[in-house]
């Protein structure tokens, strides 16, 4: 789709349509929209339906709704409402249900992190089972701004500053796409108003106990008013520039990892330390992250300090050195090789 690079907040429905980014040939491939019933996801569903009806193609459009069972009857009502909307729009919908409160107690994750983990697990599995190639979520420019600021306040590196990527591979067969990432929420609301399309409002979106809600309703308006009226543009540019820099670092890290990797072993990873000699610690840490991620290991507990300690191990290997990492991962040095076991 054509892309309008202007940064105005309010626009006509046509302008919102011009901002949507979709992969080439998407109408020939099955696409699923992650539908919460909120304004953003309803706008995305209506937009894709509009494009699909105009362009045709053999691909099918469907919707997936996740009921986390966190808000009692409100959650049930959201699922029922989404079913009604999709029926009226003649779009197939699958409702996925999980017990996020139970999952939170079992894993120890915060409620928001637990919901996100379960949501993506369910959406990815349903997409694969339905033959969906692209899973579309309705993240907007506003979400990008909130995410970057949240990460800055929490403490983040270059990867975190890059914010929300427009696409991400979930599995070898399913790719996450975010067609509205360059569109503001105000544009979305205007688009729905012109269509007279209703949407659901999650009551937890105004609950100030959640950090992101305080950012959205308290900090961001204050900074825009008192410090920088173009704060959103500044943070979006920061994310874009950080993403470009991160791509360079990842490219260098990939080459390093390919050179250092030894043949894979069950429940283990082996890297030759000599290949890391003379490399910048930033590139080394990124290579270790890539290897960690591709092994399917959880990254959440791996802090900046842990990554630097691993980098130090490969730069200055001491025979027999052992470090116990988060997630019951054991790192050791043997024969000038870093061995990770789990």
Protein backbone atom coordinates (compact mmCIF):
# COMPACT_ATOMS: atom_id res chain seq x y z
CA UNK A 1 0.00 0.00 0.00
CA UNK A 2 1.20 3.58 -0.57
CA UNK A 3 2.62 5.19 2.53
CA UNK A 4 2.03 8.82 3.54
CA UNK A 5 5.01 10.10 5.56
CA UNK A 6 3.19 13.12 6.97
CA UNK A 7 2.87 13.25 10.76
CA UNK A 8 -0.52 14.90 11.21
CA UNK A 9 -2.70 13.36 13.88
CA UNK A 10 -6.20 13.87 12.47
CA UNK A 11 -6.94 12.89 8.91
CA UNK A 12 -9.64 11.60 6.66
CA UNK A 13 -10.31 7.86 6.26
CA UNK A 14 -8.47 7.98 2.93
CA UNK A 15 -5.31 9.22 4.68
CA UNK A 16 -5.47 6.33 7.16
CA UNK A 17 -5.80 3.90 4.26
CA UNK A 18 -2.72 5.39 2.62
CA UNK A 19 -0.66 4.85 5.76
CA UNK A 20 -1.39 1.14 6.03
CA UNK A 21 1.62 -1.05 5.30
CA UNK A 22 0.95 -4.57 4.09
CA UNK A 23 3.31 -7.17 2.59
CA UNK A 24 3.28 -7.44 -1.22
CA UNK A 25 0.88 -10.10 -2.46
CA UNK A 26 -0.92 -10.35 0.88
CA UNK A 27 -4.30 -10.86 -0.79
CA UNK A 28 -3.09 -14.23 -2.11
CA UNK A 29 -2.13 -15.41 1.40
CA UNK A 30 -4.28 -16.21 4.43
CA UNK A 31 -4.29 -13.34 6.96
CA UNK A 32 -5.66 -13.26 10.51
CA UNK A 33 -6.38 -10.12 12.53
CA UNK A 34 -5.84 -10.25 16.30
CA UNK A 35 -9.18 -8.74 17.30
CA UNK A 36 -9.67 -7.45 20.83
CA UNK A 37 -12.76 -5.43 19.94
CA UNK A 38 -10.99 -2.17 20.77
CA UNK A 39 -10.79 0.78 18.40
CA UNK A 40 -7.41 -0.11 16.89
CA UNK A 41 -8.18 -3.73 16.09
CA UNK A 42 -11.66 -2.92 14.76
CA UNK A 43 -10.17 -0.29 12.45
CA UNK A 44 -7.58 -2.80 11.23
CA UNK A 45 -10.26 -5.41 10.57
CA UNK A 46 -12.42 -2.96 8.62
CA UNK A 47 -9.42 -1.69 6.63
CA UNK A 48 -8.24 -5.17 5.62
CA UNK A 49 -11.79 -6.16 4.72
CA UNK A 50 -12.04 -3.03 2.55
CA UNK A 51 -8.75 -3.72 0.78
CA UNK A 52 -9.56 -7.41 0.33
CA UNK A 53 -12.96 -6.71 -1.20
CA UNK A 54 -11.38 -4.24 -3.62
CA UNK A 55 -8.37 -6.34 -4.63
CA UNK A 56 -9.72 -9.88 -4.46
CA UNK A 57 -7.16 -12.65 -4.30
CA UNK A 58 -7.20 -16.29 -3.21
CA UNK A 59 -6.13 -15.59 0.37
CA UNK A 60 -8.66 -15.69 3.19
CA UNK A 61 -9.22 -13.07 5.90
CA UNK A 62 -10.18 -14.19 9.41
CA UNK A 63 -10.10 -12.88 12.97
CA UNK A 64 -8.77 -14.33 16.24
CA UNK A 65 -9.96 -13.14 19.66
CA UNK A 66 -8.25 -14.07 22.94
CA UNK A 67 -10.35 -14.18 26.12
CA UNK A 68 -7.94 -13.99 29.06
CA UNK A 69 -10.81 -14.36 31.58
CA UNK A 70 -9.38 -11.48 33.61
CA UNK A 71 -12.46 -9.22 33.74
CA UNK A 72 -15.24 -11.72 34.41
CA UNK A 73 -18.45 -10.95 32.54
CA UNK A 74 -16.76 -8.06 30.73
CA UNK A 75 -14.32 -10.47 29.07
CA UNK A 76 -17.17 -12.77 28.07
CA UNK A 77 -19.12 -9.81 26.71
CA UNK A 78 -16.11 -8.70 24.63
CA UNK A 79 -15.86 -12.13 23.02
CA UNK A 80 -19.59 -12.20 22.28
CA UNK A 81 -19.47 -8.68 20.82
CA UNK A 82 -16.57 -9.63 18.53
CA UNK A 83 -18.55 -12.63 17.34
CA UNK A 84 -21.50 -10.40 16.46
CA UNK A 85 -19.31 -7.91 14.60
CA UNK A 86 -17.54 -10.56 12.58
CA UNK A 87 -20.81 -12.23 11.72
CA UNK A 88 -22.15 -8.91 10.41
CA UNK A 89 -18.96 -8.40 8.38
CA UNK A 90 -18.97 -12.01 7.12
CA UNK A 91 -15.49 -12.61 8.54
CA UNK A 92 -14.75 -15.96 10.25
CA UNK A 93 -13.77 -15.57 13.92
CA UNK A 94 -12.14 -18.02 16.32
CA UNK A 95 -12.32 -17.28 20.05
CA UNK A 96 -9.34 -18.53 22.05
CA UNK A 97 -9.68 -18.87 25.83
CA UNK A 98 -7.04 -19.07 28.55
CA UNK A 99 -6.75 -18.64 32.32
CA UNK A 100 -4.16 -15.87 32.65
CA UNK A 101 -4.52 -15.56 36.43
CA UNK A 102 -3.60 -19.23 36.84
CA UNK A 103 -0.72 -18.89 34.40
CA UNK A 104 0.56 -15.86 36.33
CA UNK A 105 0.56 -17.78 39.61
CA UNK A 106 2.36 -20.73 38.00
CA UNK A 107 5.07 -18.69 36.27
CA UNK A 108 5.50 -15.74 38.63
CA UNK A 109 5.20 -13.27 35.73
CA UNK A 110 3.43 -9.96 36.13
CA UNK A 111 -0.16 -9.92 34.93
CA UNK A 112 0.59 -7.87 31.79
CA UNK A 113 3.57 -10.06 30.84
CA UNK A 114 1.58 -13.23 31.51
CA UNK A 115 -1.30 -12.04 29.33
CA UNK A 116 1.06 -11.11 26.51
CA UNK A 117 2.86 -14.47 26.65
CA UNK A 118 -0.37 -16.45 26.59
CA UNK A 119 -1.89 -14.25 23.91
CA UNK A 120 0.95 -14.74 21.46
CA UNK A 121 1.15 -18.46 22.19
CA UNK A 122 -2.55 -18.90 21.42
CA UNK A 123 -2.54 -16.60 18.38
CA UNK A 124 0.52 -18.25 16.87
CA UNK A 125 -0.83 -21.77 17.40
CA UNK A 126 -4.24 -20.86 15.95
CA UNK A 127 -2.62 -19.16 12.96
CA UNK A 128 -0.53 -22.23 12.19
CA UNK A 129 -3.52 -24.56 12.50
CA UNK A 130 -5.59 -22.33 10.20
CA UNK A 131 -2.91 -22.02 7.52
CA UNK A 132 -2.45 -18.30 8.21
CA UNK A 133 0.77 -16.77 6.85
CA UNK A 134 0.40 -13.26 8.31
CA UNK A 135 -0.93 -12.48 11.78
CA UNK A 136 -1.86 -8.78 11.87
CA UNK A 137 -1.94 -6.83 15.13
CA UNK A 138 -3.23 -3.28 15.49
CA UNK A 139 -0.30 -1.53 17.19
CA UNK A 140 -0.32 2.18 16.31
CA UNK A 141 2.14 5.06 16.38
CA UNK A 142 0.85 5.85 19.88
CA UNK A 143 1.83 2.37 21.03
CA UNK A 144 5.30 2.95 19.57
CA UNK A 145 5.67 6.22 21.50
CA UNK A 146 4.52 4.65 24.78
CA UNK A 147 6.77 1.64 24.31
CA UNK A 148 9.93 3.64 23.63
CA UNK A 149 9.34 5.98 26.59
CA UNK A 150 8.50 3.05 28.87
CA UNK A 151 11.74 1.31 27.93
CA UNK A 152 13.80 4.49 28.39
CA UNK A 153 12.42 4.92 31.90
CA UNK A 154 12.95 1.27 32.75
CA UNK A 155 16.47 1.24 31.33
CA UNK A 156 17.13 -0.24 27.90
CA UNK A 157 19.75 -0.68 25.22
CA UNK A 158 19.78 -0.09 21.49
CA UNK A 159 17.41 -2.96 20.78
CA UNK A 160 14.86 -1.59 23.24
CA UNK A 161 15.09 1.91 21.81
CA UNK A 162 14.16 0.50 18.41
CA UNK A 163 10.66 0.01 19.81
CA UNK A 164 8.04 -2.14 18.13
CA UNK A 165 9.20 -3.66 14.81
CA UNK A 166 6.77 -3.55 11.85
CA UNK A 167 7.24 -7.29 11.24
CA UNK A 168 8.51 -10.24 13.25
CA UNK A 169 8.78 -13.95 12.45
CA UNK A 170 6.81 -15.97 15.00
CA UNK A 171 7.49 -19.37 13.45
CA UNK A 172 8.94 -20.53 10.12
CA UNK A 173 5.41 -20.29 8.66
CA UNK A 174 3.79 -17.38 10.53
CA UNK A 175 4.93 -13.75 10.44
CA UNK A 176 3.57 -11.00 12.68
CA UNK A 177 2.74 -7.78 10.80
CA UNK A 178 1.67 -4.40 12.19
CA UNK A 179 -0.01 -2.45 9.36
CA UNK A 180 -1.07 0.53 11.54
CA UNK A 181 2.31 1.24 13.15
CA UNK A 182 2.60 4.54 11.24
CA UNK A 183 -0.95 5.64 12.03
CA UNK A 184 -1.99 7.63 15.11
CA UNK A 185 -4.81 6.55 17.38
CA UNK A 186 -6.66 9.80 16.65
CA UNK A 187 -6.71 8.85 12.96
CA UNK A 188 -8.11 5.45 13.90
CA UNK A 189 -10.92 7.02 15.95
CA UNK A 190 -11.77 9.41 13.10
CA UNK A 191 -11.85 6.50 10.63
CA UNK A 192 -14.24 4.51 12.82
CA UNK A 193 -16.46 7.55 13.39
CA UNK A 194 -16.82 8.09 9.65
CA UNK A 195 -17.80 4.43 9.28
CA UNK A 196 -20.11 4.65 12.30
CA UNK A 197 -18.30 1.59 13.57
CA UNK A 198 -18.58 0.95 17.30
CA UNK A 199 -15.81 -0.56 19.41
CA UNK A 200 -15.23 -1.90 22.92
CA UNK A 201 -13.33 -0.07 25.65
CA UNK A 202 -11.31 -2.21 28.06
CA UNK A 203 -11.93 -0.90 31.59
CA UNK A 204 -8.33 -1.73 32.57
CA UNK A 205 -7.05 0.84 30.04
CA UNK A 206 -7.71 3.61 32.57
CA UNK A 207 -6.48 1.71 35.63
CA UNK A 208 -3.58 3.82 36.94
CA UNK A 209 -1.99 0.88 38.79
CA UNK A 210 -0.49 -0.17 35.44
CA UNK A 211 2.65 1.76 34.49
CA UNK A 212 1.73 2.09 30.82
CA UNK A 213 -1.60 3.67 31.72
CA UNK A 214 0.13 6.25 33.91
CA UNK A 215 2.49 7.02 31.04
CA UNK A 216 -0.43 7.41 28.64
CA UNK A 217 -2.72 9.48 30.83
CA UNK A 218 -0.29 11.38 33.05
CA UNK A 219 3.35 11.62 31.92
CA UNK A 220 3.00 11.89 28.14
CA UNK A 221 0.40 14.71 28.20
CA UNK A 222 2.51 16.62 30.71
CA UNK A 223 5.72 16.32 28.68
CA UNK A 224 3.94 17.27 25.45
CA UNK A 225 2.46 20.36 27.10
CA UNK A 226 5.46 21.55 29.10
CA UNK A 227 8.56 20.33 27.26
CA UNK A 228 8.05 19.21 23.65
CA UNK A 229 4.84 19.42 21.67
CA UNK A 230 6.41 17.08 19.09
CA UNK A 231 7.44 14.48 21.65
CA UNK A 232 5.74 11.73 19.66
CA UNK A 233 7.69 12.60 16.52
CA UNK A 234 10.95 12.74 18.47
CA UNK A 235 10.42 9.31 20.01
CA UNK A 236 9.35 7.77 16.70
CA UNK A 237 12.49 9.15 15.02
CA UNK A 238 14.60 7.80 17.87
CA UNK A 239 13.04 4.37 17.39
CA UNK A 240 13.62 4.46 13.62
CA UNK A 241 17.28 5.49 13.95
CA UNK A 242 17.87 2.93 16.70
CA UNK A 243 16.33 0.19 14.55
CA UNK A 244 18.69 1.05 11.68
CA UNK A 245 21.70 0.97 14.01
CA UNK A 246 20.52 -2.29 15.55
CA UNK A 247 20.34 -3.87 12.09
CA UNK A 248 24.02 -3.05 11.53
CA UNK A 249 24.98 -4.54 14.90
CA UNK A 250 22.89 -7.66 14.23
CA UNK A 251 24.55 -8.15 10.85
CA UNK A 252 28.02 -8.05 12.41
CA UNK A 253 26.88 -10.28 15.28
CA UNK A 254 25.44 -12.86 12.87
CA UNK A 255 28.75 -13.14 11.04
CA UNK A 256 30.59 -13.55 14.34
CA UNK A 257 28.17 -16.20 15.58
CA UNK A 258 28.37 -18.17 12.33
CA UNK A 259 32.18 -18.21 12.63
CA UNK A 260 32.24 -19.18 16.32
CA UNK A 261 29.48 -21.79 16.44
CA UNK A 262 30.47 -25.44 16.95
CA UNK A 263 28.26 -28.41 15.98
CA UNK A 264 25.04 -28.41 18.00
CA UNK A 265 24.57 -30.80 20.93
CA UNK A 266 21.37 -31.82 22.74
CA UNK A 267 20.45 -29.25 25.40
CA UNK A 268 23.73 -27.43 24.83
CA UNK A 269 25.44 -24.74 22.78
CA UNK A 270 29.19 -24.51 22.14
CA UNK A 271 31.07 -21.43 20.86
CA UNK A 272 34.80 -21.05 20.11
CA UNK A 273 36.22 -18.25 22.26
CA UNK A 274 39.08 -17.45 19.89
CA UNK A 275 36.63 -16.16 17.27
CA UNK A 276 35.46 -13.46 19.71
CA UNK A 277 38.97 -12.09 20.23
CA UNK A 278 39.28 -8.43 19.21
CA UNK A 279 35.53 -8.00 18.67
CA UNK A 280 33.61 -5.12 20.23
CA UNK A 281 31.69 -6.15 23.39
CA UNK A 282 28.48 -4.72 21.89
CA UNK A 283 28.72 -7.08 18.92
CA UNK A 284 29.70 -9.99 21.19
CA UNK A 285 26.68 -9.46 23.44
CA UNK A 286 24.40 -9.30 20.41
CA UNK A 287 25.88 -12.54 19.01
CA UNK A 288 25.26 -14.24 22.36
CA UNK A 289 21.69 -12.92 22.40
CA UNK A 290 21.04 -14.30 18.92
CA UNK A 291 22.44 -17.70 19.90
CA UNK A 292 20.40 -17.65 23.12
CA UNK A 293 17.21 -16.74 21.28
CA UNK A 294 17.67 -19.34 18.55
CA UNK A 295 18.16 -22.01 21.21
CA UNK A 296 14.69 -21.11 22.51
CA UNK A 297 15.97 -19.88 25.91
CA UNK A 298 14.05 -17.26 27.89
CA UNK A 299 15.62 -13.80 27.72
CA UNK A 300 13.53 -11.89 30.25
CA UNK A 301 15.80 -12.50 33.27
CA UNK A 302 19.02 -11.92 31.31
CA UNK A 303 20.00 -8.40 32.32
CA UNK A 304 22.67 -6.12 30.88
CA UNK A 305 25.03 -7.33 33.60
CA UNK A 306 24.50 -11.01 32.73
CA UNK A 307 25.20 -10.43 29.03
CA UNK A 308 28.38 -8.53 29.87
CA UNK A 309 29.51 -11.34 32.14
CA UNK A 310 29.04 -13.83 29.32
CA UNK A 311 30.93 -11.55 26.96
CA UNK A 312 33.75 -11.33 29.49
CA UNK A 313 33.88 -15.14 29.64
CA UNK A 314 34.51 -15.50 25.89
CA UNK A 315 36.95 -12.58 25.77
CA UNK A 316 39.00 -13.83 28.74
CA UNK A 317 38.35 -17.57 28.95
CA UNK A 318 39.66 -19.31 32.07
CA UNK A 319 39.66 -23.11 31.92
CA UNK A 320 37.09 -24.61 34.26
CA UNK A 321 35.26 -21.35 34.93
CA UNK A 322 31.54 -21.90 35.69
CA UNK A 323 28.68 -19.38 35.97
CA UNK A 324 25.05 -20.22 36.78
CA UNK A 325 22.73 -18.04 34.68
CA UNK A 326 19.01 -17.25 35.06
CA UNK A 327 16.70 -20.00 33.89
CA UNK A 328 18.95 -22.80 35.18
CA UNK A 329 21.45 -22.26 32.38
CA UNK A 330 25.04 -23.32 33.14
CA UNK A 331 27.87 -21.49 31.37
CA UNK A 332 31.37 -22.94 31.50
CA UNK A 333 34.74 -22.72 29.76
CA UNK A 334 36.28 -25.96 28.45
CA UNK A 335 39.05 -26.28 25.84
CA UNK A 336 38.77 -22.55 25.08
CA UNK A 337 35.11 -22.94 24.27
CA UNK A 338 32.05 -21.41 25.90
CA UNK A 339 29.57 -24.17 26.73
CA UNK A 340 25.97 -23.33 27.61
CA UNK A 341 23.90 -26.19 29.01
CA UNK A 342 20.25 -26.37 30.03
